[in-house]
Amino acid sequence: MEDKKCVYSLIMTIVNRGYSDEVMDAARDAGAKGGTIMYAHGAGIRDTETFFGIAIHPEKELVLILATNESRPAIMRNIVERVGLESEGAGITFSLPVTDVEGIARLTNPEKKEE
């Protein structure tokens, strides 16, 4: 198996439905270029549960952001500060390393010319 250096991370944020725009605003303010929003439904919970006194709703939005490892900490920090668990959005955010990326070669190697 080839040992690849991870240059990118996938930042995943789960928020209550209606708060994905706030996530994207926070991420853009910290340097993110864009993201993908998916609608989701929490499994294994009733309509509304409480977790440490915070209401948890099953209707969710999942925001996916591909970011460089360099920009990841600032983006995640900004998201948590604005839409974290203690806010109405009740967001959680985490990241995963990305070993392979296609379609953004220009961003990683600006000298490479498009064909």
N, C-alpha and C. Protein backbone atom coordinates (compact mmCIF):
# COMPACT_ATOMS: atom_id res chain seq x y z
N MET A 1 0.84 -1.18 0.00
CA MET A 1 0.00 0.00 0.00
C MET A 1 0.89 1.24 0.00
N GLU A 2 0.56 2.16 -0.86
CA GLU A 2 1.32 3.38 -1.01
C GLU A 2 1.07 4.32 0.17
N ASP A 3 2.14 4.87 0.75
CA ASP A 3 2.02 5.80 1.86
C ASP A 3 1.83 7.20 1.29
N LYS A 4 0.63 7.76 1.47
CA LYS A 4 0.32 9.07 0.92
C LYS A 4 0.22 10.10 2.02
N LYS A 5 0.74 11.28 1.74
CA LYS A 5 0.63 12.37 2.69
C LYS A 5 -0.75 13.03 2.51
N CYS A 6 -1.45 13.18 3.61
CA CYS A 6 -2.77 13.81 3.57
C CYS A 6 -2.59 15.32 3.58
N VAL A 7 -3.04 15.97 2.52
CA VAL A 7 -2.97 17.42 2.40
C VAL A 7 -4.32 18.03 2.76
N TYR A 8 -5.38 17.25 2.59
CA TYR A 8 -6.74 17.75 2.82
C TYR A 8 -7.42 16.97 3.95
N SER A 9 -8.44 17.61 4.49
CA SER A 9 -9.33 16.98 5.46
C SER A 9 -10.76 17.23 5.03
N LEU A 10 -11.63 16.30 5.36
CA LEU A 10 -13.05 16.48 5.15
C LEU A 10 -13.64 16.89 6.49
N ILE A 11 -14.15 18.11 6.55
CA ILE A 11 -14.80 18.60 7.76
C ILE A 11 -16.28 18.28 7.64
N MET A 12 -16.78 17.57 8.63
CA MET A 12 -18.20 17.20 8.63
C MET A 12 -18.86 17.88 9.83
N THR A 13 -19.96 18.57 9.58
CA THR A 13 -20.70 19.23 10.64
C THR A 13 -22.15 18.80 10.56
N ILE A 14 -22.69 18.38 11.69
CA ILE A 14 -24.10 17.98 11.77
C ILE A 14 -24.81 19.01 12.63
N VAL A 15 -25.84 19.63 12.07
CA VAL A 15 -26.61 20.65 12.79
C VAL A 15 -28.10 20.39 12.64
N ASN A 16 -28.87 20.99 13.53
CA ASN A 16 -30.33 20.93 13.39
C ASN A 16 -30.72 21.57 12.06
N ARG A 17 -31.79 21.08 11.46
CA ARG A 17 -32.25 21.59 10.18
C ARG A 17 -32.47 23.09 10.26
N GLY A 18 -31.99 23.79 9.23
CA GLY A 18 -32.14 25.23 9.15
C GLY A 18 -30.90 26.01 9.55
N TYR A 19 -29.85 25.33 9.97
CA TYR A 19 -28.64 26.02 10.44
C TYR A 19 -27.43 25.82 9.54
N SER A 20 -27.60 25.19 8.39
CA SER A 20 -26.45 24.95 7.52
C SER A 20 -25.89 26.24 6.93
N ASP A 21 -26.73 27.24 6.69
CA ASP A 21 -26.23 28.52 6.18
C ASP A 21 -25.29 29.18 7.19
N GLU A 22 -25.62 29.07 8.47
CA GLU A 22 -24.76 29.62 9.51
C GLU A 22 -23.42 28.88 9.54
N VAL A 23 -23.46 27.56 9.33
CA VAL A 23 -22.22 26.78 9.27
C VAL A 23 -21.37 27.27 8.11
N MET A 24 -21.97 27.42 6.94
CA MET A 24 -21.22 27.85 5.77
C MET A 24 -20.69 29.27 5.93
N ASP A 25 -21.46 30.17 6.53
CA ASP A 25 -20.98 31.53 6.77
C ASP A 25 -19.75 31.51 7.68
N ALA A 26 -19.81 30.72 8.75
CA ALA A 26 -18.68 30.61 9.68
C ALA A 26 -17.46 30.02 8.98
N ALA A 27 -17.69 28.99 8.17
CA ALA A 27 -16.59 28.33 7.46
C ALA A 27 -15.95 29.27 6.44
N ARG A 28 -16.77 29.99 5.68
CA ARG A 28 -16.23 30.93 4.68
C ARG A 28 -15.42 32.04 5.35
N ASP A 29 -15.92 32.53 6.48
CA ASP A 29 -15.20 33.59 7.21
C ASP A 29 -13.83 33.12 7.68
N ALA A 30 -13.65 31.83 7.82
CA ALA A 30 -12.37 31.26 8.26
C ALA A 30 -11.53 30.73 7.09
N GLY A 31 -12.01 30.92 5.85
CA GLY A 31 -11.21 30.54 4.70
C GLY A 31 -11.73 29.42 3.82
N ALA A 32 -12.85 28.80 4.17
CA ALA A 32 -13.39 27.74 3.31
C ALA A 32 -13.90 28.32 2.00
N LYS A 33 -13.75 27.57 0.95
CA LYS A 33 -14.19 28.03 -0.38
C LYS A 33 -15.62 27.64 -0.68
N GLY A 34 -16.13 26.59 -0.07
CA GLY A 34 -17.48 26.13 -0.34
C GLY A 34 -17.73 24.83 0.40
N GLY A 35 -18.90 24.28 0.19
CA GLY A 35 -19.26 23.04 0.87
C GLY A 35 -20.47 22.40 0.22
N THR A 36 -20.85 21.27 0.74
CA THR A 36 -22.01 20.53 0.26
C THR A 36 -22.93 20.29 1.44
N ILE A 37 -24.22 20.55 1.25
CA ILE A 37 -25.21 20.38 2.30
C ILE A 37 -26.11 19.21 1.93
N MET A 38 -26.28 18.30 2.89
CA MET A 38 -27.15 17.14 2.70
C MET A 38 -28.17 17.13 3.83
N TYR A 39 -29.37 16.70 3.51
CA TYR A 39 -30.40 16.58 4.54
C TYR A 39 -30.32 15.19 5.14
N ALA A 40 -30.49 15.12 6.46
CA ALA A 40 -30.34 13.86 7.16
C ALA A 40 -31.40 13.75 8.26
N HIS A 41 -31.52 12.55 8.76
CA HIS A 41 -32.46 12.28 9.84
C HIS A 41 -31.74 11.45 10.89
N GLY A 42 -31.72 11.95 12.11
CA GLY A 42 -31.08 11.21 13.19
C GLY A 42 -31.79 9.89 13.44
N ALA A 43 -31.04 8.85 13.68
CA ALA A 43 -31.63 7.53 13.91
C ALA A 43 -31.47 7.14 15.38
N GLY A 44 -32.46 6.42 15.87
CA GLY A 44 -32.37 5.89 17.22
C GLY A 44 -32.81 6.85 18.31
N ILE A 45 -33.40 7.98 17.90
CA ILE A 45 -33.91 8.91 18.90
C ILE A 45 -35.35 9.26 18.59
N ARG A 46 -36.09 9.61 19.63
CA ARG A 46 -37.47 10.05 19.42
C ARG A 46 -37.48 11.46 18.87
N ASP A 47 -38.64 12.04 18.68
CA ASP A 47 -38.75 13.36 18.06
C ASP A 47 -37.81 14.38 18.68
N THR A 48 -37.79 14.51 19.99
CA THR A 48 -36.87 15.42 20.65
C THR A 48 -36.39 14.77 21.94
N GLU A 49 -35.11 14.69 22.08
CA GLU A 49 -34.48 14.17 23.29
C GLU A 49 -33.63 15.30 23.86
N THR A 50 -33.18 15.14 25.06
CA THR A 50 -32.24 16.10 25.61
C THR A 50 -30.92 15.39 25.91
N PHE A 51 -29.84 16.09 25.68
CA PHE A 51 -28.50 15.59 25.92
C PHE A 51 -27.78 16.69 26.68
N PHE A 52 -27.48 16.44 27.94
CA PHE A 52 -26.89 17.46 28.81
C PHE A 52 -27.71 18.75 28.79
N GLY A 53 -29.03 18.60 28.79
CA GLY A 53 -29.92 19.75 28.84
C GLY A 53 -30.13 20.46 27.51
N ILE A 54 -29.58 19.91 26.42
CA ILE A 54 -29.72 20.53 25.10
C ILE A 54 -30.71 19.70 24.28
N ALA A 55 -31.70 20.37 23.67
CA ALA A 55 -32.68 19.65 22.86
C ALA A 55 -32.02 19.13 21.59
N ILE A 56 -32.22 17.85 21.31
CA ILE A 56 -31.68 17.21 20.11
C ILE A 56 -32.86 16.84 19.22
N HIS A 57 -32.88 17.38 18.00
CA HIS A 57 -33.97 17.12 17.06
C HIS A 57 -33.50 16.14 15.99
N PRO A 58 -34.37 15.26 15.52
CA PRO A 58 -33.94 14.26 14.54
C PRO A 58 -33.70 14.82 13.13
N GLU A 59 -34.33 15.94 12.77
CA GLU A 59 -34.12 16.50 11.43
C GLU A 59 -32.80 17.25 11.42
N LYS A 60 -31.88 16.82 10.59
CA LYS A 60 -30.52 17.35 10.58
C LYS A 60 -30.11 17.80 9.19
N GLU A 61 -29.04 18.57 9.17
CA GLU A 61 -28.35 18.91 7.94
C GLU A 61 -26.89 18.54 8.16
N LEU A 62 -26.30 17.94 7.16
CA LEU A 62 -24.90 17.53 7.19
C LEU A 62 -24.14 18.41 6.21
N VAL A 63 -23.16 19.13 6.71
CA VAL A 63 -22.37 20.03 5.87
C VAL A 63 -20.98 19.42 5.70
N LEU A 64 -20.60 19.20 4.45
CA LEU A 64 -19.30 18.62 4.11
C LEU A 64 -18.42 19.70 3.49
N ILE A 65 -17.23 19.87 4.03
CA ILE A 65 -16.31 20.88 3.52
C ILE A 65 -14.94 20.23 3.34
N LEU A 66 -14.39 20.32 2.13
CA LEU A 66 -13.04 19.85 1.86
C LEU A 66 -12.11 21.04 2.10
N ALA A 67 -11.17 20.89 3.00
CA ALA A 67 -10.27 21.98 3.35
C ALA A 67 -8.84 21.47 3.45
N THR A 68 -7.90 22.38 3.29
CA THR A 68 -6.51 22.00 3.50
C THR A 68 -6.30 21.78 5.00
N ASN A 69 -5.34 20.94 5.32
CA ASN A 69 -5.04 20.71 6.73
C ASN A 69 -4.62 22.00 7.43
N GLU A 70 -4.03 22.89 6.68
CA GLU A 70 -3.59 24.17 7.22
C GLU A 70 -4.78 25.04 7.65
N SER A 71 -5.86 25.04 6.88
CA SER A 71 -7.02 25.88 7.20
C SER A 71 -8.05 25.19 8.10
N ARG A 72 -7.94 23.87 8.25
CA ARG A 72 -8.92 23.09 9.00
C ARG A 72 -9.16 23.58 10.43
N PRO A 73 -8.13 23.81 11.25
CA PRO A 73 -8.41 24.20 12.64
C PRO A 73 -9.21 25.50 12.77
N ALA A 74 -8.89 26.50 11.97
CA ALA A 74 -9.61 27.78 12.04
C ALA A 74 -11.06 27.62 11.59
N ILE A 75 -11.28 26.82 10.56
CA ILE A 75 -12.65 26.60 10.07
C ILE A 75 -13.47 25.90 11.13
N MET A 76 -12.92 24.84 11.70
CA MET A 76 -13.66 24.09 12.72
C MET A 76 -13.94 24.95 13.96
N ARG A 77 -12.96 25.72 14.37
CA ARG A 77 -13.12 26.58 15.55
C ARG A 77 -14.23 27.60 15.31
N ASN A 78 -14.26 28.20 14.13
CA ASN A 78 -15.28 29.20 13.80
C ASN A 78 -16.67 28.57 13.78
N ILE A 79 -16.78 27.38 13.24
CA ILE A 79 -18.08 26.69 13.20
C ILE A 79 -18.57 26.42 14.61
N VAL A 80 -17.70 25.88 15.46
CA VAL A 80 -18.10 25.53 16.83
C VAL A 80 -18.48 26.79 17.63
N GLU A 81 -17.75 27.87 17.43
CA GLU A 81 -18.06 29.11 18.14
C GLU A 81 -19.43 29.65 17.77
N ARG A 82 -19.84 29.50 16.51
CA ARG A 82 -21.11 30.07 16.05
C ARG A 82 -22.29 29.12 16.09
N VAL A 83 -22.04 27.83 15.82
CA VAL A 83 -23.14 26.87 15.69
C VAL A 83 -22.84 25.60 16.47
N GLY A 84 -22.16 25.72 17.59
CA GLY A 84 -21.79 24.55 18.39
C GLY A 84 -22.95 24.00 19.19
N LEU A 85 -22.67 23.01 20.00
CA LEU A 85 -23.70 22.31 20.78
C LEU A 85 -24.51 23.24 21.67
N GLU A 86 -23.92 24.31 22.15
CA GLU A 86 -24.63 25.21 23.05
C GLU A 86 -25.49 26.23 22.33
N SER A 87 -25.50 26.22 21.01
CA SER A 87 -26.34 27.13 20.22
C SER A 87 -27.63 26.40 19.83
N GLU A 88 -28.56 27.13 19.23
CA GLU A 88 -29.80 26.52 18.76
C GLU A 88 -29.55 25.50 17.66
N GLY A 89 -28.47 25.69 16.91
CA GLY A 89 -28.12 24.74 15.86
C GLY A 89 -27.62 23.41 16.40
N ALA A 90 -27.16 23.41 17.64
CA ALA A 90 -26.68 22.21 18.33
C ALA A 90 -25.72 21.39 17.46
N GLY A 91 -24.75 22.07 16.86
CA GLY A 91 -23.86 21.42 15.91
C GLY A 91 -22.68 20.71 16.54
N ILE A 92 -22.30 19.62 15.90
CA ILE A 92 -21.04 18.96 16.21
C ILE A 92 -20.23 18.92 14.92
N THR A 93 -18.95 19.05 15.05
CA THR A 93 -18.09 19.03 13.87
C THR A 93 -16.88 18.14 14.14
N PHE A 94 -16.46 17.44 13.10
CA PHE A 94 -15.27 16.60 13.19
C PHE A 94 -14.65 16.52 11.81
N SER A 95 -13.44 16.02 11.76
CA SER A 95 -12.77 15.93 10.45
C SER A 95 -12.16 14.55 10.26
N LEU A 96 -11.99 14.21 9.00
CA LEU A 96 -11.38 12.95 8.60
C LEU A 96 -10.28 13.26 7.58
N PRO A 97 -9.16 12.53 7.63
CA PRO A 97 -8.11 12.76 6.64
C PRO A 97 -8.55 12.29 5.26
N VAL A 98 -8.10 13.02 4.25
CA VAL A 98 -8.41 12.67 2.86
C VAL A 98 -7.09 12.33 2.17
N THR A 99 -6.98 11.11 1.66
CA THR A 99 -5.73 10.70 1.03
C THR A 99 -5.71 10.93 -0.48
N ASP A 100 -6.86 10.88 -1.13
CA ASP A 100 -6.90 11.05 -2.59
C ASP A 100 -7.96 12.09 -2.95
N VAL A 101 -7.59 12.98 -3.86
CA VAL A 101 -8.51 14.00 -4.34
C VAL A 101 -8.32 14.12 -5.84
N GLU A 102 -9.40 14.16 -6.57
CA GLU A 102 -9.36 14.39 -8.01
C GLU A 102 -10.23 15.60 -8.32
N GLY A 103 -9.87 16.33 -9.36
CA GLY A 103 -10.72 17.43 -9.80
C GLY A 103 -10.34 18.79 -9.24
N ILE A 104 -9.34 18.84 -8.35
CA ILE A 104 -8.89 20.14 -7.86
C ILE A 104 -7.38 20.27 -7.99
N ALA A 105 -6.82 19.64 -9.02
CA ALA A 105 -5.37 19.64 -9.22
C ALA A 105 -4.82 21.06 -9.33
N ARG A 106 -5.59 21.96 -9.89
CA ARG A 106 -5.14 23.34 -10.03
C ARG A 106 -4.86 23.98 -8.67
N LEU A 107 -5.64 23.60 -7.65
CA LEU A 107 -5.47 24.17 -6.32
C LEU A 107 -4.23 23.62 -5.62
N THR A 108 -3.89 22.36 -5.90
CA THR A 108 -2.74 21.76 -5.23
C THR A 108 -1.45 21.95 -6.01
N ASN A 109 -1.55 22.16 -7.32
CA ASN A 109 -0.38 22.36 -8.15
C ASN A 109 -0.71 23.41 -9.20
N PRO A 110 -0.57 24.71 -8.87
CA PRO A 110 -0.98 25.76 -9.78
C PRO A 110 -0.23 25.79 -11.10
N GLU A 111 0.95 25.13 -11.18
CA GLU A 111 1.71 25.12 -12.43
C GLU A 111 1.16 24.10 -13.42
N LYS A 112 0.33 23.16 -12.96
CA LYS A 112 -0.23 22.15 -13.84
C LYS A 112 -1.27 22.80 -14.74
N LYS A 113 -1.14 22.58 -16.04
CA LYS A 113 -2.09 23.18 -16.98
C LYS A 113 -3.23 22.24 -17.27
N GLU A 114 -4.43 22.83 -17.40
CA GLU A 114 -5.60 22.01 -17.73
C GLU A 114 -5.52 21.60 -19.19
N GLU A 115 -6.01 20.41 -19.48
CA GLU A 115 -5.98 19.93 -20.87
C GLU A 115 -7.29 20.22 -21.54
